[in-house]
C-alpha atoms as a PDB file:
ATOM      1  CA  MET A   1     120.534 104.311 127.063  1.00  0.00           C
ATOM      2  CA  THR A   2     123.765 106.205 126.843  1.00  0.00           C
ATOM      3  CA  SER A   3     123.031 108.223 123.688  1.00  0.00           C
ATOM      4  CA  THR A   4     120.034 110.132 122.452  1.00  0.00           C
ATOM      5  CA  LEU A   5     117.931 108.675 119.673  1.00  0.00           C
ATOM      6  CA  ALA A   6     118.869 111.643 117.479  1.00  0.00           C
ATOM      7  CA  SER A   7     122.544 110.642 117.539  1.00  0.00           C
ATOM      8  CA  ILE A   8     121.951 107.113 116.206  1.00  0.00           C
ATOM      9  CA  GLU A   9     122.269 106.506 112.459  1.00  0.00           C
ATOM     10  CA  PRO A  10     119.005 105.751 110.573  1.00  0.00           C
ATOM     11  CA  PHE A  11     118.050 102.074 109.992  1.00  0.00           C
ATOM     12  CA  SER A  12     120.534 100.739 112.508  1.00  0.00           C
ATOM     13  CA  LEU A  13     120.282  97.952 115.048  1.00  0.00           C
ATOM     14  CA  ASP A  14     120.930 100.569 117.739  1.00  0.00           C
ATOM     15  CA  ARG A  15     117.868 102.536 116.623  1.00  0.00           C
ATOM     16  CA  ALA A  16     115.744  99.380 116.520  1.00  0.00           C
ATOM     17  CA  TYR A  17     116.848  98.512 120.052  1.00  0.00           C
ATOM     18  CA  ALA A  18     116.177 102.068 121.271  1.00  0.00           C
ATOM     19  CA  LEU A  19     112.661 101.990 119.835  1.00  0.00           C
ATOM     20  CA  ALA A  20     112.016  98.573 121.386  1.00  0.00           C
ATOM     21  CA  MET A  21     113.058 100.043 124.733  1.00  0.00           C
ATOM     22  CA  ALA A  22     110.688 102.975 124.121  1.00  0.00           C
ATOM     23  CA  ALA A  23     107.819 100.544 123.497  1.00  0.00           C
ATOM     24  CA  GLU A  24     108.619  98.766 126.761  1.00  0.00           C
ATOM     25  CA  LEU A  25     108.853 102.089 128.608  1.00  0.00           C
ATOM     26  CA  ALA A  26     105.365 103.028 127.370  1.00  0.00           C
ATOM     27  CA  TYR A  27     103.830 100.780 130.038  1.00  0.00           C
ATOM     28  CA  GLU A  28     105.601 102.443 132.970  1.00  0.00           C
ATOM     29  CA  THR A  29     103.954 105.215 134.963  1.00  0.00           C
ATOM     30  CA  GLY A  30     103.752 108.665 133.426  1.00  0.00           C
ATOM     31  CA  THR A  31     106.288 109.977 135.937  1.00  0.00           C
ATOM     32  CA  ASN A  32     108.822 107.258 135.077  1.00  0.00           C
ATOM     33  CA  ILE A  33     108.329 107.840 131.366  1.00  0.00           C
ATOM     34  CA  GLU A  34     108.864 111.584 131.650  1.00  0.00           C
ATOM     35  CA  ARG A  35     111.940 111.122 133.827  1.00  0.00           C
ATOM     36  CA  SER A  36     113.519 108.626 131.423  1.00  0.00           C
ATOM     37  CA  VAL A  37     112.618 110.487 128.250  1.00  0.00           C
ATOM     38  CA  GLN A  38     113.751 113.900 129.463  1.00  0.00           C
ATOM     39  CA  ASP A  39     116.575 113.140 131.902  1.00  0.00           C
ATOM     40  CA  LYS A  40     118.142 110.017 130.389  1.00  0.00           C
ATOM     41  CA  TRP A  41     117.310 110.366 126.690  1.00  0.00           C
ATOM     42  CA  GLY A  42     117.523 114.162 126.466  1.00  0.00           C
ATOM     43  CA  PHE A  43     114.165 114.970 124.869  1.00  0.00           C
ATOM     44  CA  ASP A  44     112.682 118.411 125.497  1.00  0.00           C
ATOM     45  CA  HIS A  45     109.016 117.379 125.431  1.00  0.00           C
ATOM     46  CA  CYS A  46     107.108 114.311 126.551  1.00  0.00           C
ATOM     47  CA  ARG A  47     103.396 113.530 126.666  1.00  0.00           C
ATOM     48  CA  PHE A  48     102.106 110.368 128.366  1.00  0.00           C
ATOM     49  CA  ILE A  49      98.970 108.786 126.868  1.00  0.00           C
ATOM     50  CA  ASP A  50      96.731 106.449 128.879  1.00  0.00           C
ATOM     51  CA  SER A  51      93.575 105.148 127.229  1.00  0.00           C
ATOM     52  CA  ASP A  52      91.890 102.112 128.800  1.00  0.00           C
ATOM     53  CA  ASP A  53      94.364  99.236 128.384  1.00  0.00           C
ATOM     54  CA  SER A  54      96.649 101.090 125.965  1.00  0.00           C
ATOM     55  CA  HIS A  55      99.541 103.233 127.087  1.00  0.00           C
ATOM     56  CA  GLY A  56     102.046 105.241 125.137  1.00  0.00           C
ATOM     57  CA  PHE A  57     103.956 108.459 124.869  1.00  0.00           C
ATOM     58  CA  VAL A  58     105.108 111.049 122.393  1.00  0.00           C
ATOM     59  CA  ALA A  59     108.569 112.525 122.896  1.00  0.00           C
ATOM     60  CA  ALA A  60     110.201 115.262 120.858  1.00  0.00           C
ATOM     61  CA  ASP A  61     113.175 117.538 120.571  1.00  0.00           C
ATOM     62  CA  GLY A  62     114.393 119.794 117.767  1.00  0.00           C
ATOM     63  CA  GLN A  63     115.319 116.838 115.517  1.00  0.00           C
ATOM     64  CA  VAL A  64     113.314 113.757 116.461  1.00  0.00           C
ATOM     65  CA  VAL A  65     109.759 112.771 117.317  1.00  0.00           C
ATOM     66  CA  VAL A  66     109.128 109.346 118.861  1.00  0.00           C
ATOM     67  CA  VAL A  67     105.671 107.806 119.226  1.00  0.00           C
ATOM     68  CA  ALA A  68     105.780 104.649 121.333  1.00  0.00           C
ATOM     69  CA  PHE A  69     102.992 102.361 122.493  1.00  0.00           C
END
């Protein structure tokens, strides 16, 4: 991803694609998720969630919160 989610207009195909990529990323390791979310996407905070067979993460900055699973 070359831009942050916060810079994409609401209800756009770009946002839909970005969120699909976030859902796919949710099944990576916690380290890979944190690296992608913070270094590549520019979010300040990231929390990996692993519960049995479900994985996900919450990422946030000053403008956007993403919950992906």
